[in-house]
């Protein structure tokens, strides 16, 4: 988990984009070709607080399906535990409240077969990619608590009286 300012997030995403053929998928897409080339302000588009990082070099193109319920496209996985996808929950600075909410990257590297009888692992390349992202956070952000890190920009906000939540 981590806290970021807008500048810290840009730094993180710049690194992520150097790790392969990365696509940033919105959690809801108007069309099957919807992708973020840069992330919008999370407070202007609440659908962009949680996005998905997908490395085409590991898994090819992301399978998408249109939901009959809401009419949007979503990644076509039974659940994200079996998907070769990293969930990116953005840390959100909220100026009116002078607080920064916690963000994280998350991935399941092990899941169970469809019948639940056998544990399965994702491709070793996926695990390696996720480890590279997590190590970057630990190396480039400062430890804020035993399990949470903070970018320099978030720490500067904290020095100005902002709360890291």
N, C-alpha and C. Protein backbone atom coordinates (compact mmCIF):
# COMPACT_ATOMS: atom_id res chain seq x y z
N UNK A 1 0.85 -1.16 0.00
CA UNK A 1 0.00 0.00 0.00
C UNK A 1 0.90 1.23 0.00
N UNK A 2 0.36 2.31 -0.53
CA UNK A 2 1.17 3.52 -0.62
C UNK A 2 0.30 4.76 -0.69
N UNK A 3 0.97 5.89 -0.43
CA UNK A 3 0.37 7.21 -0.58
C UNK A 3 1.15 7.93 -1.67
N UNK A 4 0.44 8.59 -2.59
CA UNK A 4 1.12 9.34 -3.64
C UNK A 4 0.46 10.70 -3.84
N UNK A 5 1.28 11.65 -4.22
CA UNK A 5 0.77 12.90 -4.76
C UNK A 5 0.58 12.67 -6.25
N UNK A 6 0.04 13.64 -6.96
CA UNK A 6 -0.11 13.51 -8.42
C UNK A 6 1.25 13.29 -9.07
N UNK A 7 2.29 13.98 -8.58
CA UNK A 7 3.63 13.84 -9.15
C UNK A 7 4.21 12.46 -8.88
N UNK A 8 3.98 11.93 -7.68
CA UNK A 8 4.46 10.58 -7.35
C UNK A 8 3.81 9.54 -8.27
N UNK A 9 2.51 9.73 -8.53
CA UNK A 9 1.80 8.79 -9.39
C UNK A 9 2.37 8.81 -10.81
N UNK A 10 2.67 10.00 -11.31
CA UNK A 10 3.27 10.11 -12.65
C UNK A 10 4.60 9.36 -12.68
N UNK A 11 5.40 9.52 -11.65
CA UNK A 11 6.69 8.83 -11.57
C UNK A 11 6.49 7.31 -11.57
N UNK A 12 5.55 6.82 -10.79
CA UNK A 12 5.25 5.39 -10.74
C UNK A 12 4.80 4.88 -12.11
N UNK A 13 3.87 5.58 -12.73
CA UNK A 13 3.36 5.12 -14.03
C UNK A 13 4.41 5.20 -15.13
N UNK A 14 5.29 6.18 -15.06
CA UNK A 14 6.40 6.22 -16.03
C UNK A 14 7.22 4.94 -15.94
N UNK A 15 7.49 4.52 -14.70
CA UNK A 15 8.24 3.28 -14.53
C UNK A 15 7.44 2.08 -15.07
N UNK A 16 6.18 1.98 -14.67
CA UNK A 16 5.35 0.86 -15.11
C UNK A 16 5.39 0.73 -16.63
N UNK A 17 5.30 1.85 -17.34
CA UNK A 17 5.26 1.82 -18.80
C UNK A 17 6.57 1.34 -19.42
N UNK A 18 7.67 1.35 -18.66
CA UNK A 18 8.95 0.85 -19.19
C UNK A 18 9.10 -0.65 -19.03
N UNK A 19 8.14 -1.31 -18.39
CA UNK A 19 8.29 -2.73 -18.06
C UNK A 19 7.69 -3.67 -19.10
N UNK A 20 7.20 -3.14 -20.21
CA UNK A 20 6.62 -3.99 -21.25
C UNK A 20 5.64 -3.20 -22.08
N UNK A 21 4.83 -3.92 -22.82
CA UNK A 21 3.76 -3.30 -23.63
C UNK A 21 2.53 -3.18 -22.74
N UNK A 22 2.49 -2.11 -21.98
CA UNK A 22 1.50 -1.95 -20.91
C UNK A 22 0.26 -1.23 -21.43
N UNK A 23 -0.89 -1.73 -21.05
CA UNK A 23 -2.16 -1.06 -21.29
C UNK A 23 -2.76 -0.73 -19.93
N UNK A 24 -3.32 0.45 -19.82
CA UNK A 24 -4.04 0.85 -18.62
C UNK A 24 -5.52 0.79 -18.97
N UNK A 25 -6.20 -0.17 -18.37
CA UNK A 25 -7.61 -0.40 -18.67
C UNK A 25 -8.49 0.26 -17.61
N UNK A 26 -9.44 1.08 -18.03
CA UNK A 26 -10.41 1.61 -17.06
C UNK A 26 -11.24 0.46 -16.49
N UNK A 27 -11.81 0.65 -15.32
CA UNK A 27 -12.66 -0.40 -14.77
C UNK A 27 -13.96 -0.53 -15.55
N UNK A 28 -14.37 0.55 -16.22
CA UNK A 28 -15.53 0.54 -17.13
C UNK A 28 -15.10 1.18 -18.43
N UNK A 29 -15.41 0.53 -19.54
CA UNK A 29 -15.00 1.05 -20.85
C UNK A 29 -16.21 1.23 -21.75
N UNK A 30 -16.27 2.37 -22.44
CA UNK A 30 -17.37 2.62 -23.37
C UNK A 30 -17.26 1.75 -24.61
N UNK A 31 -16.04 1.40 -24.99
CA UNK A 31 -15.83 0.54 -26.16
C UNK A 31 -14.71 -0.43 -25.85
N UNK A 32 -14.62 -1.47 -26.66
CA UNK A 32 -13.59 -2.49 -26.45
C UNK A 32 -12.19 -1.93 -26.66
N UNK A 33 -12.08 -0.78 -27.31
CA UNK A 33 -10.76 -0.19 -27.55
C UNK A 33 -10.41 0.91 -26.53
N UNK A 34 -11.26 1.13 -25.54
CA UNK A 34 -11.00 2.16 -24.53
C UNK A 34 -9.75 1.83 -23.74
N UNK A 35 -8.85 2.78 -23.67
CA UNK A 35 -7.64 2.66 -22.87
C UNK A 35 -7.32 4.05 -22.35
N UNK A 36 -6.63 4.11 -21.22
CA UNK A 36 -6.10 5.38 -20.75
C UNK A 36 -4.70 5.54 -21.32
N UNK A 37 -4.42 6.68 -21.92
CA UNK A 37 -3.04 6.99 -22.29
C UNK A 37 -2.40 7.77 -21.15
N UNK A 38 -3.21 8.49 -20.42
CA UNK A 38 -2.80 9.08 -19.15
C UNK A 38 -4.02 9.06 -18.26
N UNK A 39 -3.81 9.01 -16.97
CA UNK A 39 -4.93 8.89 -16.06
C UNK A 39 -5.58 10.25 -15.81
N UNK A 40 -6.91 10.28 -15.84
CA UNK A 40 -7.62 11.53 -15.53
C UNK A 40 -7.54 11.81 -14.02
N UNK A 41 -7.87 13.02 -13.66
CA UNK A 41 -7.97 13.37 -12.24
C UNK A 41 -8.95 12.39 -11.60
N UNK A 42 -8.54 11.69 -10.56
CA UNK A 42 -9.43 10.68 -9.98
C UNK A 42 -10.71 11.25 -9.40
N UNK A 43 -10.71 12.52 -9.03
CA UNK A 43 -11.92 13.12 -8.49
C UNK A 43 -12.89 13.57 -9.57
N UNK A 44 -12.40 13.67 -10.82
CA UNK A 44 -13.28 14.05 -11.92
C UNK A 44 -13.94 12.83 -12.55
N UNK A 45 -13.33 11.67 -12.38
CA UNK A 45 -13.85 10.44 -12.97
C UNK A 45 -13.66 9.33 -11.95
N UNK A 46 -14.67 9.11 -11.12
CA UNK A 46 -14.53 8.12 -10.05
C UNK A 46 -14.28 6.72 -10.59
N UNK A 47 -14.61 6.46 -11.84
CA UNK A 47 -14.32 5.17 -12.46
C UNK A 47 -12.85 4.96 -12.71
N UNK A 48 -12.04 6.00 -12.52
CA UNK A 48 -10.61 5.86 -12.75
C UNK A 48 -9.82 5.68 -11.46
N UNK A 49 -10.48 5.57 -10.33
CA UNK A 49 -9.75 5.33 -9.08
C UNK A 49 -9.17 3.93 -9.07
N UNK A 50 -9.91 2.97 -9.61
CA UNK A 50 -9.40 1.60 -9.75
C UNK A 50 -9.24 1.33 -11.24
N UNK A 51 -8.01 1.04 -11.65
CA UNK A 51 -7.74 0.70 -13.05
C UNK A 51 -6.95 -0.61 -13.06
N UNK A 52 -6.77 -1.15 -14.26
CA UNK A 52 -6.06 -2.42 -14.40
C UNK A 52 -4.83 -2.21 -15.27
N UNK A 53 -3.73 -2.77 -14.84
CA UNK A 53 -2.49 -2.74 -15.61
C UNK A 53 -2.34 -4.10 -16.27
N UNK A 54 -2.16 -4.07 -17.58
CA UNK A 54 -2.12 -5.31 -18.36
C UNK A 54 -0.86 -5.28 -19.24
N UNK A 55 -0.07 -6.33 -19.15
CA UNK A 55 1.17 -6.41 -19.91
C UNK A 55 0.97 -7.35 -21.10
N UNK A 56 0.83 -6.78 -22.29
CA UNK A 56 0.59 -7.57 -23.50
C UNK A 56 1.75 -8.51 -23.81
N UNK A 57 2.96 -8.18 -23.34
CA UNK A 57 4.11 -9.04 -23.59
C UNK A 57 3.97 -10.38 -22.87
N UNK A 58 3.20 -10.42 -21.82
CA UNK A 58 3.03 -11.65 -21.04
C UNK A 58 1.78 -12.41 -21.48
N UNK A 59 0.71 -11.70 -21.74
CA UNK A 59 -0.58 -12.39 -21.92
C UNK A 59 -1.30 -12.05 -23.22
N UNK A 60 -0.67 -11.38 -24.17
CA UNK A 60 -1.38 -11.00 -25.39
C UNK A 60 -2.40 -9.92 -25.09
N UNK A 61 -3.40 -9.79 -25.93
CA UNK A 61 -4.43 -8.77 -25.74
C UNK A 61 -5.42 -9.15 -24.67
N UNK A 62 -5.92 -8.18 -23.91
CA UNK A 62 -6.89 -8.51 -22.86
C UNK A 62 -8.25 -8.87 -23.43
N UNK A 63 -8.80 -10.00 -23.03
CA UNK A 63 -10.15 -10.33 -23.48
C UNK A 63 -11.17 -9.44 -22.79
N UNK A 64 -12.07 -8.87 -23.58
CA UNK A 64 -13.09 -7.97 -23.04
C UNK A 64 -14.47 -8.47 -23.43
N UNK A 65 -15.44 -8.15 -22.61
CA UNK A 65 -16.82 -8.48 -22.95
C UNK A 65 -17.73 -7.34 -22.54
N UNK A 66 -18.80 -7.17 -23.30
CA UNK A 66 -19.77 -6.11 -23.00
C UNK A 66 -20.81 -6.65 -22.03
N UNK A 67 -21.02 -5.90 -20.97
CA UNK A 67 -21.99 -6.30 -19.96
C UNK A 67 -23.39 -5.92 -20.42
N UNK A 68 -24.31 -6.86 -20.32
CA UNK A 68 -25.70 -6.55 -20.65
C UNK A 68 -26.34 -5.71 -19.55
N UNK A 69 -25.78 -5.80 -18.34
CA UNK A 69 -26.34 -5.05 -17.21
C UNK A 69 -26.14 -3.56 -17.34
N UNK A 70 -24.88 -3.14 -17.60
CA UNK A 70 -24.61 -1.71 -17.61
C UNK A 70 -24.18 -1.17 -18.97
N UNK A 71 -24.00 -2.05 -19.97
CA UNK A 71 -23.63 -1.61 -21.31
C UNK A 71 -22.17 -1.25 -21.49
N UNK A 72 -21.35 -1.41 -20.44
CA UNK A 72 -19.93 -1.11 -20.52
C UNK A 72 -19.14 -2.38 -20.79
N UNK A 73 -17.92 -2.19 -21.28
CA UNK A 73 -16.99 -3.31 -21.46
C UNK A 73 -16.19 -3.50 -20.19
N UNK A 74 -15.93 -4.74 -19.85
CA UNK A 74 -15.15 -5.10 -18.68
C UNK A 74 -14.18 -6.19 -19.08
N UNK A 75 -13.04 -6.32 -18.39
CA UNK A 75 -12.16 -7.46 -18.66
C UNK A 75 -12.95 -8.75 -18.46
N UNK A 76 -12.80 -9.68 -19.41
CA UNK A 76 -13.61 -10.91 -19.42
C UNK A 76 -12.92 -12.02 -18.64
N UNK A 77 -12.96 -11.92 -17.34
CA UNK A 77 -12.41 -12.94 -16.47
C UNK A 77 -13.48 -13.30 -15.47
N UNK A 78 -13.50 -14.58 -15.06
CA UNK A 78 -14.52 -14.98 -14.08
C UNK A 78 -14.31 -14.22 -12.78
N UNK A 79 -13.08 -14.03 -12.39
CA UNK A 79 -12.73 -13.11 -11.31
C UNK A 79 -11.27 -12.76 -11.52
N UNK A 80 -10.78 -11.77 -10.79
CA UNK A 80 -9.43 -11.30 -11.06
C UNK A 80 -8.36 -12.21 -10.51
N UNK A 81 -8.74 -13.21 -9.72
CA UNK A 81 -7.72 -14.12 -9.21
C UNK A 81 -7.11 -14.96 -10.34
N UNK A 82 -7.86 -15.21 -11.41
CA UNK A 82 -7.29 -16.00 -12.50
C UNK A 82 -6.83 -15.14 -13.68
N UNK A 83 -6.87 -13.83 -13.54
CA UNK A 83 -6.51 -12.93 -14.63
C UNK A 83 -5.04 -12.51 -14.54
N UNK A 84 -4.35 -12.40 -15.66
CA UNK A 84 -2.97 -11.90 -15.64
C UNK A 84 -2.97 -10.36 -15.63
N UNK A 85 -3.51 -9.82 -14.56
CA UNK A 85 -3.77 -8.38 -14.50
C UNK A 85 -3.38 -7.86 -13.12
N UNK A 86 -2.85 -6.65 -13.08
CA UNK A 86 -2.53 -6.01 -11.81
C UNK A 86 -3.59 -4.95 -11.57
N UNK A 87 -4.23 -5.03 -10.42
CA UNK A 87 -5.20 -4.01 -10.03
C UNK A 87 -4.43 -2.84 -9.43
N UNK A 88 -4.73 -1.64 -9.91
CA UNK A 88 -4.07 -0.43 -9.41
C UNK A 88 -5.15 0.46 -8.80
N UNK A 89 -5.16 0.50 -7.47
CA UNK A 89 -6.07 1.38 -6.75
C UNK A 89 -5.27 2.64 -6.47
N UNK A 90 -5.73 3.73 -7.04
CA UNK A 90 -4.96 4.98 -6.96
C UNK A 90 -5.09 5.63 -5.60
N UNK A 91 -3.98 6.18 -5.15
CA UNK A 91 -3.96 7.02 -3.95
C UNK A 91 -4.51 8.37 -4.39
N UNK A 92 -5.46 8.90 -3.64
CA UNK A 92 -6.16 10.10 -4.09
C UNK A 92 -5.97 11.27 -3.12
N UNK A 93 -5.24 12.31 -3.54
CA UNK A 93 -5.17 13.54 -2.73
C UNK A 93 -6.52 14.27 -2.80
N UNK A 94 -7.04 14.66 -1.65
CA UNK A 94 -8.32 15.38 -1.58
C UNK A 94 -8.08 16.74 -0.93
N UNK A 95 -7.82 17.76 -1.77
CA UNK A 95 -7.44 19.08 -1.24
C UNK A 95 -8.45 19.68 -0.28
N UNK A 96 -9.75 19.52 -0.56
CA UNK A 96 -10.75 20.16 0.31
C UNK A 96 -10.74 19.58 1.72
N UNK A 97 -10.24 18.35 1.87
CA UNK A 97 -10.18 17.71 3.19
C UNK A 97 -8.75 17.64 3.73
N UNK A 98 -7.80 18.07 2.91
CA UNK A 98 -6.37 17.99 3.25
C UNK A 98 -5.99 16.59 3.71
N UNK A 99 -6.36 15.62 2.88
CA UNK A 99 -5.98 14.24 3.18
C UNK A 99 -5.67 13.49 1.89
N UNK A 100 -4.89 12.44 2.03
CA UNK A 100 -4.52 11.59 0.91
C UNK A 100 -4.97 10.17 1.26
N UNK A 101 -5.81 9.58 0.41
CA UNK A 101 -6.24 8.20 0.67
C UNK A 101 -5.17 7.24 0.17
N UNK A 102 -5.14 6.10 0.77
CA UNK A 102 -4.14 5.07 0.46
C UNK A 102 -4.46 4.36 -0.84
N UNK A 103 -3.44 4.04 -1.61
CA UNK A 103 -3.59 3.26 -2.84
C UNK A 103 -2.79 1.98 -2.74
N UNK A 104 -2.84 1.16 -3.80
CA UNK A 104 -2.05 -0.07 -3.80
C UNK A 104 -2.03 -0.68 -5.19
N UNK A 105 -1.09 -1.56 -5.39
CA UNK A 105 -1.13 -2.45 -6.53
C UNK A 105 -1.36 -3.84 -5.96
N UNK A 106 -2.13 -4.64 -6.66
CA UNK A 106 -2.45 -5.98 -6.15
C UNK A 106 -2.56 -6.95 -7.31
N UNK A 107 -2.11 -8.17 -7.06
CA UNK A 107 -2.24 -9.23 -8.07
C UNK A 107 -2.31 -10.56 -7.35
N UNK A 108 -3.11 -11.44 -7.86
CA UNK A 108 -3.16 -12.81 -7.36
C UNK A 108 -2.22 -13.63 -8.24
N UNK A 109 -1.25 -14.28 -7.63
CA UNK A 109 -0.34 -15.11 -8.43
C UNK A 109 -0.74 -16.58 -8.40
N UNK A 110 -1.61 -16.93 -7.48
CA UNK A 110 -2.10 -18.29 -7.42
C UNK A 110 -3.62 -18.26 -7.39
N UNK A 111 -4.25 -19.21 -8.05
CA UNK A 111 -5.71 -19.31 -8.04
C UNK A 111 -6.06 -20.79 -8.11
N UNK A 112 -7.35 -21.10 -8.08
CA UNK A 112 -7.77 -22.49 -8.11
C UNK A 112 -8.44 -22.82 -9.43
N UNK A 113 -8.38 -24.09 -9.78
CA UNK A 113 -9.03 -24.57 -11.00
C UNK A 113 -10.52 -24.26 -10.93
N UNK A 114 -11.20 -24.34 -12.07
CA UNK A 114 -12.63 -24.00 -12.14
C UNK A 114 -13.46 -24.81 -11.15
N UNK A 115 -13.09 -26.06 -10.92
CA UNK A 115 -13.84 -26.88 -9.97
C UNK A 115 -13.34 -26.75 -8.54
N UNK A 116 -12.30 -25.93 -8.34
CA UNK A 116 -11.79 -25.66 -7.00
C UNK A 116 -10.93 -26.75 -6.42
N UNK A 117 -10.58 -27.73 -7.22
CA UNK A 117 -9.86 -28.88 -6.67
C UNK A 117 -8.34 -28.75 -6.67
N UNK A 118 -7.80 -27.86 -7.51
CA UNK A 118 -6.34 -27.81 -7.62
C UNK A 118 -5.85 -26.37 -7.66
N UNK A 119 -4.79 -26.08 -6.90
CA UNK A 119 -4.20 -24.75 -7.00
C UNK A 119 -3.43 -24.60 -8.31
N UNK A 120 -3.57 -23.45 -8.93
CA UNK A 120 -2.88 -23.16 -10.18
C UNK A 120 -2.08 -21.88 -10.01
N UNK A 121 -0.98 -21.76 -10.74
CA UNK A 121 -0.18 -20.55 -10.69
C UNK A 121 -0.28 -19.83 -12.02
N UNK A 122 -0.15 -18.52 -11.96
CA UNK A 122 -0.09 -17.73 -13.18
C UNK A 122 1.29 -17.91 -13.80
N UNK A 123 1.47 -17.48 -15.04
CA UNK A 123 2.79 -17.63 -15.67
C UNK A 123 3.89 -16.98 -14.84
N UNK A 124 5.04 -17.61 -14.80
CA UNK A 124 6.17 -17.10 -14.02
C UNK A 124 6.54 -15.70 -14.47
N UNK A 125 6.33 -15.37 -15.75
CA UNK A 125 6.61 -14.03 -16.26
C UNK A 125 5.71 -12.99 -15.59
N UNK A 126 4.47 -13.38 -15.33
CA UNK A 126 3.55 -12.46 -14.67
C UNK A 126 4.01 -12.19 -13.23
N UNK A 127 4.36 -13.26 -12.52
CA UNK A 127 4.85 -13.09 -11.15
C UNK A 127 6.08 -12.19 -11.13
N UNK A 128 6.98 -12.41 -12.08
CA UNK A 128 8.19 -11.60 -12.16
C UNK A 128 7.87 -10.14 -12.42
N UNK A 129 6.91 -9.89 -13.32
CA UNK A 129 6.52 -8.51 -13.62
C UNK A 129 5.93 -7.82 -12.39
N UNK A 130 5.03 -8.52 -11.70
CA UNK A 130 4.44 -7.94 -10.49
C UNK A 130 5.52 -7.66 -9.45
N UNK A 131 6.45 -8.59 -9.27
CA UNK A 131 7.54 -8.38 -8.31
C UNK A 131 8.37 -7.15 -8.66
N UNK A 132 8.61 -6.92 -9.95
CA UNK A 132 9.37 -5.73 -10.39
C UNK A 132 8.63 -4.46 -9.98
N UNK A 133 7.31 -4.44 -10.16
CA UNK A 133 6.52 -3.26 -9.79
C UNK A 133 6.55 -3.03 -8.27
N UNK A 134 6.35 -4.11 -7.50
CA UNK A 134 6.34 -3.99 -6.04
C UNK A 134 7.71 -3.55 -5.51
N UNK A 135 8.77 -4.10 -6.08
CA UNK A 135 10.12 -3.71 -5.64
C UNK A 135 10.39 -2.24 -5.94
N UNK A 136 9.89 -1.75 -7.07
CA UNK A 136 10.08 -0.34 -7.40
C UNK A 136 9.44 0.55 -6.34
N UNK A 137 8.23 0.20 -5.92
CA UNK A 137 7.54 0.99 -4.88
C UNK A 137 8.37 0.98 -3.60
N UNK A 138 8.82 -0.20 -3.18
CA UNK A 138 9.60 -0.30 -1.94
C UNK A 138 10.92 0.46 -2.03
N UNK A 139 11.53 0.50 -3.21
CA UNK A 139 12.82 1.16 -3.38
C UNK A 139 12.68 2.67 -3.51
N UNK A 140 11.64 3.14 -4.19
CA UNK A 140 11.52 4.56 -4.53
C UNK A 140 10.62 5.37 -3.62
N UNK A 141 9.81 4.74 -2.82
CA UNK A 141 8.97 5.42 -1.85
C UNK A 141 9.52 5.13 -0.46
N UNK A 142 9.26 6.02 0.47
CA UNK A 142 9.73 5.87 1.85
C UNK A 142 8.72 5.06 2.66
N UNK A 143 9.22 4.35 3.65
CA UNK A 143 8.35 3.57 4.52
C UNK A 143 7.58 4.53 5.43
N UNK A 144 6.24 4.45 5.38
CA UNK A 144 5.40 5.33 6.20
C UNK A 144 4.91 4.61 7.45
N UNK A 145 4.77 3.29 7.35
CA UNK A 145 4.41 2.44 8.49
C UNK A 145 4.93 1.05 8.16
N UNK A 146 4.63 0.08 8.97
CA UNK A 146 5.22 -1.25 8.75
C UNK A 146 4.83 -1.86 7.41
N UNK A 147 3.69 -1.48 6.83
CA UNK A 147 3.28 -2.09 5.55
C UNK A 147 2.91 -1.05 4.49
N UNK A 148 3.18 0.21 4.75
CA UNK A 148 2.75 1.27 3.84
C UNK A 148 3.94 2.16 3.48
N UNK A 149 3.96 2.60 2.21
CA UNK A 149 5.02 3.46 1.71
C UNK A 149 4.42 4.77 1.26
N UNK A 150 5.27 5.79 1.10
CA UNK A 150 4.78 7.10 0.66
C UNK A 150 5.81 7.73 -0.27
N UNK A 151 5.32 8.32 -1.35
CA UNK A 151 6.18 9.06 -2.25
C UNK A 151 6.58 10.39 -1.63
N UNK A 152 7.64 10.99 -2.19
CA UNK A 152 8.12 12.27 -1.67
C UNK A 152 7.04 13.34 -1.67
N UNK A 153 6.24 13.38 -2.73
CA UNK A 153 5.17 14.39 -2.82
C UNK A 153 4.14 14.21 -1.72
N UNK A 154 3.77 12.96 -1.43
CA UNK A 154 2.80 12.70 -0.36
C UNK A 154 3.40 13.08 0.99
N UNK A 155 4.69 12.80 1.18
CA UNK A 155 5.34 13.17 2.44
C UNK A 155 5.40 14.69 2.59
N UNK A 156 5.61 15.40 1.48
CA UNK A 156 5.60 16.87 1.53
C UNK A 156 4.22 17.39 1.90
N UNK A 157 3.17 16.76 1.37
CA UNK A 157 1.81 17.16 1.75
C UNK A 157 1.59 16.93 3.25
N UNK A 158 2.09 15.81 3.75
CA UNK A 158 1.95 15.52 5.17
C UNK A 158 2.64 16.60 6.01
N UNK A 159 3.81 17.05 5.58
CA UNK A 159 4.52 18.12 6.30
C UNK A 159 3.73 19.43 6.29
N UNK A 160 2.86 19.59 5.28
CA UNK A 160 2.03 20.80 5.19
C UNK A 160 0.72 20.64 5.96
N UNK A 161 0.59 19.56 6.71
CA UNK A 161 -0.59 19.37 7.54
C UNK A 161 -1.64 18.42 6.97
N UNK A 162 -1.37 17.82 5.82
CA UNK A 162 -2.30 16.87 5.25
C UNK A 162 -2.22 15.56 6.03
N UNK A 163 -3.35 14.85 6.07
CA UNK A 163 -3.39 13.56 6.74
C UNK A 163 -3.27 12.45 5.71
N UNK A 164 -2.44 11.46 6.01
CA UNK A 164 -2.33 10.26 5.17
C UNK A 164 -3.25 9.22 5.76
N UNK A 165 -4.33 8.87 5.03
CA UNK A 165 -5.33 7.92 5.55
C UNK A 165 -5.35 6.66 4.75
